[in-house]
Amino acid sequence: MPVITRAHALPLDADLQQRMQKFEPEVPLLPLDSGATLYIGWFNDKPVAGAWACGDTQGRQLLHFGIHPATRGRGVLQRLAHDMRELENASGRRVLSAQDYSALDS
């Protein structure tokens, strides 16, 4: 399943917020800290997963993964985490850890 990962600025539009409320578990729609970045995975122009990158530039963590129930078992969160790491590293931020999302991705 080809997923396109994008960073999103807040506030999100109402339609996107409504679609994200279907994710399990729900991804918080407020920044978790001042430098947090919300990433959303897209498939066919629909949001299918999301997570936050939080912390300082030398020790970012990937947290609060959520996925649309229809996309479970397709490796979407693994792809999202991989893309998030690449985007964070390209921006000069070092990712040190990721929340365990494997149970959500199966």
PDB file of N, CA and C in Angstrom:
ATOM      1  N   MET A   1       0.848  -1.175   0.000  1.00  0.00           N
ATOM      2  CA  MET A   1       0.000   0.000   0.000  1.00  0.00           C
ATOM      3  C   MET A   1       0.897   1.241   0.000  1.00  0.00           C
ATOM      4  N   PRO A   2       0.928   2.007  -1.080  1.00  0.00           N
ATOM      5  CA  PRO A   2       1.783   3.198  -1.121  1.00  0.00           C
ATOM      6  C   PRO A   2       1.186   4.337  -0.280  1.00  0.00           C
ATOM      7  N   VAL A   3       1.917   4.728   0.723  1.00  0.00           N
ATOM      8  CA  VAL A   3       1.485   5.794   1.626  1.00  0.00           C
ATOM      9  C   VAL A   3       2.389   6.994   1.415  1.00  0.00           C
ATOM     10  N   ILE A   4       1.790   8.169   1.335  1.00  0.00           N
ATOM     11  CA  ILE A   4       2.541   9.412   1.221  1.00  0.00           C
ATOM     12  C   ILE A   4       2.462  10.118   2.565  1.00  0.00           C
ATOM     13  N   THR A   5       3.620  10.430   3.140  1.00  0.00           N
ATOM     14  CA  THR A   5       3.681  11.056   4.453  1.00  0.00           C
ATOM     15  C   THR A   5       3.971  12.535   4.300  1.00  0.00           C
ATOM     16  N   ARG A   6       3.168  13.356   5.000  1.00  0.00           N
ATOM     17  CA  ARG A   6       3.352  14.809   4.962  1.00  0.00           C
ATOM     18  C   ARG A   6       3.267  15.377   6.375  1.00  0.00           C
ATOM     19  N   ALA A   7       4.095  16.413   6.622  1.00  0.00           N
ATOM     20  CA  ALA A   7       3.977  17.189   7.861  1.00  0.00           C
ATOM     21  C   ALA A   7       2.819  18.168   7.675  1.00  0.00           C
ATOM     22  N   HIS A   8       2.079  18.415   8.751  1.00  0.00           N
ATOM     23  CA  HIS A   8       0.917  19.302   8.668  1.00  0.00           C
ATOM     24  C   HIS A   8       0.989  20.409   9.698  1.00  0.00           C
ATOM     25  N   ALA A   9       0.624  21.598   9.259  1.00  0.00           N
ATOM     26  CA  ALA A   9       0.542  22.753  10.152  1.00  0.00           C
ATOM     27  C   ALA A   9      -0.826  22.752  10.844  1.00  0.00           C
ATOM     28  N   LEU A  10      -0.831  23.315  12.011  1.00  0.00           N
ATOM     29  CA  LEU A  10      -2.077  23.431  12.767  1.00  0.00           C
ATOM     30  C   LEU A  10      -2.579  24.863  12.685  1.00  0.00           C
ATOM     31  N   PRO A  11      -3.847  25.092  12.773  1.00  0.00           N
ATOM     32  CA  PRO A  11      -4.911  24.102  12.966  1.00  0.00           C
ATOM     33  C   PRO A  11      -5.255  23.394  11.658  1.00  0.00           C
ATOM     34  N   LEU A  12      -5.731  22.167  11.806  1.00  0.00           N
ATOM     35  CA  LEU A  12      -6.173  21.390  10.658  1.00  0.00           C
ATOM     36  C   LEU A  12      -7.576  21.843  10.268  1.00  0.00           C
ATOM     37  N   ASP A  13      -7.902  21.688   8.993  1.00  0.00           N
ATOM     38  CA  ASP A  13      -9.264  22.054   8.595  1.00  0.00           C
ATOM     39  C   ASP A  13     -10.249  21.055   9.199  1.00  0.00           C
ATOM     40  N   ALA A  14     -11.504  21.453   9.269  1.00  0.00           N
ATOM     41  CA  ALA A  14     -12.529  20.660   9.955  1.00  0.00           C
ATOM     42  C   ALA A  14     -12.719  19.282   9.329  1.00  0.00           C
ATOM     43  N   ASP A  15     -12.653  19.188   8.012  1.00  0.00           N
ATOM     44  CA  ASP A  15     -12.830  17.898   7.341  1.00  0.00           C
ATOM     45  C   ASP A  15     -11.726  16.922   7.728  1.00  0.00           C
ATOM     46  N   LEU A  16     -10.481  17.397   7.730  1.00  0.00           N
ATOM     47  CA  LEU A  16      -9.361  16.532   8.106  1.00  0.00           C
ATOM     48  C   LEU A  16      -9.463  16.120   9.573  1.00  0.00           C
ATOM     49  N   GLN A  17      -9.834  17.028  10.437  1.00  0.00           N
ATOM     50  CA  GLN A  17     -10.016  16.685  11.851  1.00  0.00           C
ATOM     51  C   GLN A  17     -11.067  15.589  12.015  1.00  0.00           C
ATOM     52  N   GLN A  18     -12.163  15.723  11.288  1.00  0.00           N
ATOM     53  CA  GLN A  18     -13.238  14.729  11.374  1.00  0.00           C
ATOM     54  C   GLN A  18     -12.759  13.360  10.895  1.00  0.00           C
ATOM     55  N   ARG A  19     -12.001  13.327   9.817  1.00  0.00           N
ATOM     56  CA  ARG A  19     -11.483  12.052   9.300  1.00  0.00           C
ATOM     57  C   ARG A  19     -10.504  11.414  10.287  1.00  0.00           C
ATOM     58  N   MET A  20      -9.681  12.253  10.923  1.00  0.00           N
ATOM     59  CA  MET A  20      -8.693  11.727  11.866  1.00  0.00           C
ATOM     60  C   MET A  20      -9.332  11.192  13.141  1.00  0.00           C
ATOM     61  N   GLN A  21     -10.526  11.627  13.463  1.00  0.00           N
ATOM     62  CA  GLN A  21     -11.200  11.125  14.655  1.00  0.00           C
ATOM     63  C   GLN A  21     -11.563   9.647  14.525  1.00  0.00           C
ATOM     64  N   LYS A  22     -11.470   9.116  13.309  1.00  0.00           N
ATOM     65  CA  LYS A  22     -11.737   7.693  13.091  1.00  0.00           C
ATOM     66  C   LYS A  22     -10.512   6.827  13.372  1.00  0.00           C
ATOM     67  N   PHE A  23      -9.338   7.452  13.522  1.00  0.00           N
ATOM     68  CA  PHE A  23      -8.123   6.691  13.792  1.00  0.00           C
ATOM     69  C   PHE A  23      -8.225   6.024  15.155  1.00  0.00           C
ATOM     70  N   GLU A  24      -7.617   4.853  15.254  1.00  0.00           N
ATOM     71  CA  GLU A  24      -7.570   4.118  16.521  1.00  0.00           C
ATOM     72  C   GLU A  24      -6.127   3.801  16.847  1.00  0.00           C
ATOM     73  N   PRO A  25      -5.644   4.192  18.010  1.00  0.00           N
ATOM     74  CA  PRO A  25      -6.256   5.166  18.900  1.00  0.00           C
ATOM     75  C   PRO A  25      -6.252   6.546  18.254  1.00  0.00           C
ATOM     76  N   GLU A  26      -7.038   7.419  18.822  1.00  0.00           N
ATOM     77  CA  GLU A  26      -7.153   8.764  18.284  1.00  0.00           C
ATOM     78  C   GLU A  26      -5.830   9.519  18.446  1.00  0.00           C
ATOM     79  N   VAL A  27      -5.422  10.206  17.416  1.00  0.00           N
ATOM     80  CA  VAL A  27      -4.198  11.019  17.443  1.00  0.00           C
ATOM     81  C   VAL A  27      -4.568  12.396  18.003  1.00  0.00           C
ATOM     82  N   PRO A  28      -3.882  12.875  19.055  1.00  0.00           N
ATOM     83  CA  PRO A  28      -4.189  14.209  19.579  1.00  0.00           C
ATOM     84  C   PRO A  28      -4.043  15.263  18.482  1.00  0.00           C
ATOM     85  N   LEU A  29      -4.949  16.223  18.448  1.00  0.00           N
ATOM     86  CA  LEU A  29      -4.920  17.250  17.414  1.00  0.00           C
ATOM     87  C   LEU A  29      -4.340  18.562  17.916  1.00  0.00           C
ATOM     88  N   LEU A  30      -3.766  18.537  19.102  1.00  0.00           N
ATOM     89  CA  LEU A  30      -3.082  19.704  19.652  1.00  0.00           C
ATOM     90  C   LEU A  30      -1.603  19.379  19.771  1.00  0.00           C
ATOM     91  N   PRO A  31      -0.731  20.368  19.572  1.00  0.00           N
ATOM     92  CA  PRO A  31       0.710  20.089  19.688  1.00  0.00           C
ATOM     93  C   PRO A  31       1.057  19.609  21.091  1.00  0.00           C
ATOM     94  N   LEU A  32       1.931  18.634  21.167  1.00  0.00           N
ATOM     95  CA  LEU A  32       2.315  18.049  22.449  1.00  0.00           C
ATOM     96  C   LEU A  32       3.423  18.848  23.116  1.00  0.00           C
ATOM     97  N   ASP A  33       4.198  19.582  22.340  1.00  0.00           N
ATOM     98  CA  ASP A  33       5.178  20.528  22.857  1.00  0.00           C
ATOM     99  C   ASP A  33       5.406  21.582  21.782  1.00  0.00           C
ATOM    100  N   SER A  34       6.156  22.619  22.103  1.00  0.00           N
ATOM    101  CA  SER A  34       6.288  23.746  21.176  1.00  0.00           C
ATOM    102  C   SER A  34       6.954  23.377  19.855  1.00  0.00           C
ATOM    103  N   GLY A  35       7.778  22.349  19.844  1.00  0.00           N
ATOM    104  CA  GLY A  35       8.460  21.960  18.617  1.00  0.00           C
ATOM    105  C   GLY A  35       7.881  20.728  17.955  1.00  0.00           C
ATOM    106  N   ALA A  36       6.717  20.291  18.384  1.00  0.00           N
ATOM    107  CA  ALA A  36       6.120  19.057  17.856  1.00  0.00           C
ATOM    108  C   ALA A  36       5.668  19.228  16.407  1.00  0.00           C
ATOM    109  N   THR A  37       5.760  18.141  15.658  1.00  0.00           N
ATOM    110  CA  THR A  37       5.323  18.122  14.265  1.00  0.00           C
ATOM    111  C   THR A  37       4.346  16.979  14.075  1.00  0.00           C
ATOM    112  N   LEU A  38       3.193  17.292  13.492  1.00  0.00           N
ATOM    113  CA  LEU A  38       2.189  16.277  13.182  1.00  0.00           C
ATOM    114  C   LEU A  38       2.432  15.760  11.772  1.00  0.00           C
ATOM    115  N   TYR A  39       2.521  14.438  11.651  1.00  0.00           N
ATOM    116  CA  TYR A  39       2.657  13.794  10.343  1.00  0.00           C
ATOM    117  C   TYR A  39       1.416  12.957  10.078  1.00  0.00           C
ATOM    118  N   ILE A  40       0.967  13.011   8.828  1.00  0.00           N
ATOM    119  CA  ILE A  40      -0.199  12.229   8.416  1.00  0.00           C
ATOM    120  C   ILE A  40       0.185  11.420   7.184  1.00  0.00           C
ATOM    121  N   GLY A  41      -0.195  10.146   7.191  1.00  0.00           N
ATOM    122  CA  GLY A  41       0.000   9.273   6.044  1.00  0.00           C
ATOM    123  C   GLY A  41      -1.257   9.285   5.190  1.00  0.00           C
ATOM    124  N   TRP A  42      -1.069   9.455   3.892  1.00  0.00           N
ATOM    125  CA  TRP A  42      -2.178   9.566   2.949  1.00  0.00           C
ATOM    126  C   TRP A  42      -2.155   8.414   1.954  1.00  0.00           C
ATOM    127  N   PHE A  43      -3.341   7.927   1.600  1.00  0.00           N
ATOM    128  CA  PHE A  43      -3.493   6.931   0.547  1.00  0.00           C
ATOM    129  C   PHE A  43      -4.719   7.324  -0.270  1.00  0.00           C
ATOM    130  N   ASN A  44      -4.536   7.482  -1.571  1.00  0.00           N
ATOM    131  CA  ASN A  44      -5.633   7.912  -2.457  1.00  0.00           C
ATOM    132  C   ASN A  44      -6.321   9.179  -1.941  1.00  0.00           C
ATOM    133  N   ASP A  45      -5.518  10.146  -1.541  1.00  0.00           N
ATOM    134  CA  ASP A  45      -6.011  11.443  -1.047  1.00  0.00           C
ATOM    135  C   ASP A  45      -6.869  11.349   0.207  1.00  0.00           C
ATOM    136  N   LYS A  46      -6.704  10.270   0.967  1.00  0.00           N
ATOM    137  CA  LYS A  46      -7.420  10.120   2.235  1.00  0.00           C
ATOM    138  C   LYS A  46      -6.418   9.868   3.345  1.00  0.00           C
ATOM    139  N   PRO A  47      -6.619  10.501   4.509  1.00  0.00           N
ATOM    140  CA  PRO A  47      -5.712  10.248   5.631  1.00  0.00           C
ATOM    141  C   PRO A  47      -5.954   8.846   6.190  1.00  0.00           C
ATOM    142  N   VAL A  48      -4.868   8.075   6.340  1.00  0.00           N
ATOM    143  CA  VAL A  48      -5.009   6.699   6.826  1.00  0.00           C
ATOM    144  C   VAL A  48      -4.253   6.449   8.125  1.00  0.00           C
ATOM    145  N   ALA A  49      -3.345   7.369   8.495  1.00  0.00           N
ATOM    146  CA  ALA A  49      -2.572   7.183   9.728  1.00  0.00           C
ATOM    147  C   ALA A  49      -1.953   8.517  10.121  1.00  0.00           C
ATOM    148  N   GLY A  50      -1.551   8.611  11.386  1.00  0.00           N
ATOM    149  CA  GLY A  50      -0.900   9.825  11.847  1.00  0.00           C
ATOM    150  C   GLY A  50      -0.088   9.565  13.097  1.00  0.00           C
ATOM    151  N   ALA A  51       0.824  10.490  13.374  1.00  0.00           N
ATOM    152  CA  ALA A  51       1.652  10.419  14.583  1.00  0.00           C
ATOM    153  C   ALA A  51       2.348  11.754  14.766  1.00  0.00           C
ATOM    154  N   TRP A  52       2.920  11.947  15.936  1.00  0.00           N
ATOM    155  CA  TRP A  52       3.662  13.162  16.279  1.00  0.00           C
ATOM    156  C   TRP A  52       5.145  12.870  16.426  1.00  0.00           C
ATOM    157  N   ALA A  53       5.965  13.830  16.023  1.00  0.00           N
ATOM    158  CA  ALA A  53       7.402  13.845  16.334  1.00  0.00           C
ATOM    159  C   ALA A  53       7.578  14.947  17.367  1.00  0.00           C
ATOM    160  N   CYS A  54       8.113  14.591  18.540  1.00  0.00           N
ATOM    161  CA  CYS A  54       8.208  15.523  19.660  1.00  0.00           C
ATOM    162  C   CYS A  54       9.614  15.534  20.242  1.00  0.00           C
ATOM    163  N   GLY A  55       9.942  16.626  20.916  1.00  0.00           N
ATOM    164  CA  GLY A  55      11.209  16.727  21.619  1.00  0.00           C
ATOM    165  C   GLY A  55      12.160  17.684  20.937  1.00  0.00           C
ATOM    166  N   ASP A  56      13.354  17.795  21.514  1.00  0.00           N
ATOM    167  CA  ASP A  56      14.337  18.719  20.949  1.00  0.00           C
ATOM    168  C   ASP A  56      14.991  18.113  19.710  1.00  0.00           C
ATOM    169  N   THR A  57      15.759  18.915  19.010  1.00  0.00           N
ATOM    170  CA  THR A  57      16.312  18.495  17.721  1.00  0.00           C
ATOM    171  C   THR A  57      17.294  17.336  17.826  1.00  0.00           C
ATOM    172  N   GLN A  58      17.861  17.096  18.997  1.00  0.00           N
ATOM    173  CA  GLN A  58      18.824  16.011  19.161  1.00  0.00           C
ATOM    174  C   GLN A  58      18.215  14.744  19.719  1.00  0.00           C
ATOM    175  N   GLY A  59      16.945  14.769  20.067  1.00  0.00           N
ATOM    176  CA  GLY A  59      16.337  13.581  20.659  1.00  0.00           C
ATOM    177  C   GLY A  59      14.843  13.492  20.424  1.00  0.00           C
ATOM    178  N   ARG A  60      14.436  13.475  19.171  1.00  0.00           N
ATOM    179  CA  ARG A  60      13.013  13.418  18.835  1.00  0.00           C
ATOM    180  C   ARG A  60      12.456  12.015  19.102  1.00  0.00           C
ATOM    181  N   GLN A  61      11.197  11.990  19.480  1.00  0.00           N
ATOM    182  CA  GLN A  61      10.476  10.734  19.671  1.00  0.00           C
ATOM    183  C   GLN A  61       9.250  10.743  18.775  1.00  0.00           C
ATOM    184  N   LEU A  62       8.915   9.596  18.232  1.00  0.00           N
ATOM    185  CA  LEU A  62       7.717   9.444  17.433  1.00  0.00           C
ATOM    186  C   LEU A  62       6.646   8.834  18.334  1.00  0.00           C
ATOM    187  N   LEU A  63       5.541   9.574  18.518  1.00  0.00           N
ATOM    188  CA  LEU A  63       4.542   9.212  19.522  1.00  0.00           C
ATOM    189  C   LEU A  63       3.118   9.305  18.987  1.00  0.00           C
ATOM    190  N   HIS A  64       2.223   8.698  19.723  1.00  0.00           N
ATOM    191  CA  HIS A  64       0.772   8.797  19.507  1.00  0.00           C
ATOM    192  C   HIS A  64       0.355   8.374  18.105  1.00  0.00           C
ATOM    193  N   PHE A  65       0.806   7.193  17.709  1.00  0.00           N
ATOM    194  CA  PHE A  65       0.428   6.646  16.415  1.00  0.00           C
ATOM    195  C   PHE A  65      -1.054   6.279  16.427  1.00  0.00           C
ATOM    196  N   GLY A  66      -1.717   6.583  15.342  1.00  0.00           N
ATOM    197  CA  GLY A  66      -3.102   6.175  15.144  1.00  0.00           C
ATOM    198  C   GLY A  66      -3.283   5.737  13.700  1.00  0.00           C
ATOM    199  N   ILE A  67      -4.232   4.829  13.479  1.00  0.00           N
ATOM    200  CA  ILE A  67      -4.444   4.287  12.143  1.00  0.00           C
ATOM    201  C   ILE A  67      -5.935   4.102  11.890  1.00  0.00           C
ATOM    202  N   HIS A  68      -6.338   4.307  10.658  1.00  0.00           N
ATOM    203  CA  HIS A  68      -7.720   4.031  10.286  1.00  0.00           C
ATOM    204  C   HIS A  68      -7.901   2.513  10.323  1.00  0.00           C
ATOM    205  N   PRO A  69      -8.968   2.042  10.947  1.00  0.00           N
ATOM    206  CA  PRO A  69      -9.157   0.593  11.096  1.00  0.00           C
ATOM    207  C   PRO A  69      -9.118  -0.187   9.778  1.00  0.00           C
ATOM    208  N   ALA A  70      -9.539   0.412   8.684  1.00  0.00           N
ATOM    209  CA  ALA A  70      -9.560  -0.297   7.393  1.00  0.00           C
ATOM    210  C   ALA A  70      -8.167  -0.548   6.836  1.00  0.00           C
ATOM    211  N   THR A  71      -7.149   0.125   7.377  1.00  0.00           N
ATOM    212  CA  THR A  71      -5.802  -0.034   6.835  1.00  0.00           C
ATOM    213  C   THR A  71      -4.895  -0.878   7.722  1.00  0.00           C
ATOM    214  N   ARG A  72      -5.429  -1.438   8.787  1.00  0.00           N
ATOM    215  CA  ARG A  72      -4.607  -2.302   9.645  1.00  0.00           C
ATOM    216  C   ARG A  72      -4.118  -3.511   8.871  1.00  0.00           C
ATOM    217  N   GLY A  73      -2.927  -3.976   9.264  1.00  0.00           N
ATOM    218  CA  GLY A  73      -2.386  -5.189   8.666  1.00  0.00           C
ATOM    219  C   GLY A  73      -1.731  -4.982   7.312  1.00  0.00           C
ATOM    220  N   ARG A  74      -1.506  -3.730   6.931  1.00  0.00           N
ATOM    221  CA  ARG A  74      -0.925  -3.444   5.624  1.00  0.00           C
ATOM    222  C   ARG A  74       0.437  -2.756   5.711  1.00  0.00           C
ATOM    223  N   GLY A  75       0.989  -2.682   6.919  1.00  0.00           N
ATOM    224  CA  GLY A  75       2.303  -2.073   7.093  1.00  0.00           C
ATOM    225  C   GLY A  75       2.301  -0.557   7.011  1.00  0.00           C
ATOM    226  N   VAL A  76       1.137   0.055   7.164  1.00  0.00           N
ATOM    227  CA  VAL A  76       1.017   1.510   7.022  1.00  0.00           C
ATOM    228  C   VAL A  76       1.814   2.245   8.099  1.00  0.00           C
ATOM    229  N   LEU A  77       1.716   1.816   9.340  1.00  0.00           N
ATOM    230  CA  LEU A  77       2.431   2.527  10.407  1.00  0.00           C
ATOM    231  C   LEU A  77       3.936   2.330  10.302  1.00  0.00           C
ATOM    232  N   GLN A  78       4.359   1.179   9.850  1.00  0.00           N
ATOM    233  CA  GLN A  78       5.790   0.970   9.637  1.00  0.00           C
ATOM    234  C   GLN A  78       6.300   1.947   8.579  1.00  0.00           C
ATOM    235  N   ARG A  79       5.543   2.123   7.514  1.00  0.00           N
ATOM    236  CA  ARG A  79       5.918   3.064   6.456  1.00  0.00           C
ATOM    237  C   ARG A  79       5.887   4.498   6.968  1.00  0.00           C
ATOM    238  N   LEU A  80       4.858   4.831   7.754  1.00  0.00           N
ATOM    239  CA  LEU A  80       4.752   6.172   8.312  1.00  0.00           C
ATOM    240  C   LEU A  80       5.962   6.480   9.195  1.00  0.00           C
ATOM    241  N   ALA A  81       6.313   5.555  10.090  1.00  0.00           N
ATOM    242  CA  ALA A  81       7.462   5.763  10.974  1.00  0.00           C
ATOM    243  C   ALA A  81       8.749   5.924  10.177  1.00  0.00           C
ATOM    244  N   HIS A  82       8.947   5.110   9.148  1.00  0.00           N
ATOM    245  CA  HIS A  82      10.134   5.212   8.295  1.00  0.00           C
ATOM    246  C   HIS A  82      10.199   6.580   7.621  1.00  0.00           C
ATOM    247  N   ASP A  83       9.096   7.003   7.030  1.00  0.00           N
ATOM    248  CA  ASP A  83       9.056   8.302   6.352  1.00  0.00           C
ATOM    249  C   ASP A  83       9.258   9.452   7.333  1.00  0.00           C
ATOM    250  N   MET A  84       8.667   9.343   8.520  1.00  0.00           N
ATOM    251  CA  MET A  84       8.834  10.393   9.527  1.00  0.00           C
ATOM    252  C   MET A  84      10.307  10.544   9.903  1.00  0.00           C
ATOM    253  N   ARG A  85      10.986   9.421  10.108  1.00  0.00           N
ATOM    254  CA  ARG A  85      12.416   9.471  10.435  1.00  0.00           C
ATOM    255  C   ARG A  85      13.199  10.165   9.324  1.00  0.00           C
ATOM    256  N   GLU A  86      12.918   9.803   8.075  1.00  0.00           N
ATOM    257  CA  GLU A  86      13.626  10.419   6.957  1.00  0.00           C
ATOM    258  C   GLU A  86      13.353  11.919   6.872  1.00  0.00           C
ATOM    259  N   LEU A  87      12.099  12.331   7.028  1.00  0.00           N
ATOM    260  CA  LEU A  87      11.756  13.748   6.961  1.00  0.00           C
ATOM    261  C   LEU A  87      12.369  14.524   8.123  1.00  0.00           C
ATOM    262  N   GLU A  88      12.341  13.941   9.295  1.00  0.00           N
ATOM    263  CA  GLU A  88      12.946  14.587  10.463  1.00  0.00           C
ATOM    264  C   GLU A  88      14.454  14.740  10.264  1.00  0.00           C
ATOM    265  N   ASN A  89      15.114  13.674   9.838  1.00  0.00           N
ATOM    266  CA  ASN A  89      16.562  13.729   9.615  1.00  0.00           C
ATOM    267  C   ASN A  89      16.919  14.738   8.532  1.00  0.00           C
ATOM    268  N   ALA A  90      16.122  14.811   7.479  1.00  0.00           N
ATOM    269  CA  ALA A  90      16.373  15.771   6.401  1.00  0.00           C
ATOM    270  C   ALA A  90      16.230  17.216   6.895  1.00  0.00           C
ATOM    271  N   SER A  91      15.461  17.404   7.957  1.00  0.00           N
ATOM    272  CA  SER A  91      15.270  18.732   8.545  1.00  0.00           C
ATOM    273  C   SER A  91      16.301  19.039   9.629  1.00  0.00           C
ATOM    274  N   GLY A  92      17.265  18.129   9.813  1.00  0.00           N
ATOM    275  CA  GLY A  92      18.315  18.347  10.799  1.00  0.00           C
ATOM    276  C   GLY A  92      17.950  17.939  12.211  1.00  0.00           C
ATOM    277  N   ARG A  93      16.867  17.183  12.347  1.00  0.00           N
ATOM    278  CA  ARG A  93      16.453  16.701  13.668  1.00  0.00           C
ATOM    279  C   ARG A  93      16.742  15.211  13.754  1.00  0.00           C
ATOM    280  N   ARG A  94      17.247  14.791  14.899  1.00  0.00           N
ATOM    281  CA  ARG A  94      17.646  13.401  15.093  1.00  0.00           C
ATOM    282  C   ARG A  94      16.557  12.643  15.841  1.00  0.00           C
ATOM    283  N   VAL A  95      16.085  11.566  15.255  1.00  0.00           N
ATOM    284  CA  VAL A  95      15.060  10.736  15.890  1.00  0.00           C
ATOM    285  C   VAL A  95      15.754   9.639  16.674  1.00  0.00           C
ATOM    286  N   LEU A  96      15.463   9.588  17.964  1.00  0.00           N
ATOM    287  CA  LEU A  96      16.094   8.597  18.827  1.00  0.00           C
ATOM    288  C   LEU A  96      15.195   7.399  19.107  1.00  0.00           C
ATOM    289  N   SER A  97      13.893   7.606  19.077  1.00  0.00           N
ATOM    290  CA  SER A  97      13.032   6.480  19.420  1.00  0.00           C
ATOM    291  C   SER A  97      11.656   6.635  18.799  1.00  0.00           C
ATOM    292  N   ALA A  98      10.936   5.521  18.786  1.00  0.00           N
ATOM    293  CA  ALA A  98       9.557   5.504  18.328  1.00  0.00           C
ATOM    294  C   ALA A  98       8.741   4.656  19.286  1.00  0.00           C
ATOM    295  N   GLN A  99       7.549   5.111  19.540  1.00  0.00           N
ATOM    296  CA  GLN A  99       6.600   4.349  20.328  1.00  0.00           C
ATOM    297  C   GLN A  99       6.347   3.031  19.611  1.00  0.00           C
ATOM    298  N   ASP A 100       6.092   1.969  20.351  1.00  0.00           N
ATOM    299  CA  ASP A 100       5.820   0.681  19.733  1.00  0.00           C
ATOM    300  C   ASP A 100       4.447   0.728  19.067  1.00  0.00           C
ATOM    301  N   TYR A 101       4.431   0.683  17.765  1.00  0.00           N
ATOM    302  CA  TYR A 101       3.186   0.745  16.994  1.00  0.00           C
ATOM    303  C   TYR A 101       2.840  -0.607  16.394  1.00  0.00           C
ATOM    304  N   SER A 102       3.664  -1.633  16.610  1.00  0.00           N
ATOM    305  CA  SER A 102       3.494  -2.917  15.923  1.00  0.00           C
ATOM    306  C   SER A 102       2.140  -3.568  16.191  1.00  0.00           C
ATOM    307  N   ALA A 103       1.617  -3.431  17.409  1.00  0.00           N
ATOM    308  CA  ALA A 103       0.318  -4.029  17.704  1.00  0.00           C
ATOM    309  C   ALA A 103      -0.796  -3.354  16.908  1.00  0.00           C
ATOM    310  N   LEU A 104      -0.643  -2.064  16.635  1.00  0.00           N
ATOM    311  CA  LEU A 104      -1.633  -1.324  15.863  1.00  0.00           C
ATOM    312  C   LEU A 104      -1.544  -1.655  14.380  1.00  0.00           C
ATOM    313  N   ASP A 105      -0.365  -2.053  13.924  1.00  0.00           N
ATOM    314  CA  ASP A 105      -0.093  -2.236  12.500  1.00  0.00           C
ATOM    315  C   ASP A 105      -0.376  -3.655  12.030  1.00  0.00           C
ATOM    316  N   SER A 106      -0.913  -4.493  12.912  1.00  0.00           N
ATOM    317  CA  SER A 106      -1.163  -5.883  12.513  1.00  0.00           C
ATOM    318  C   SER A 106      -2.642  -6.163  12.385  1.00  0.00           C
TER     319      SER A 106
END
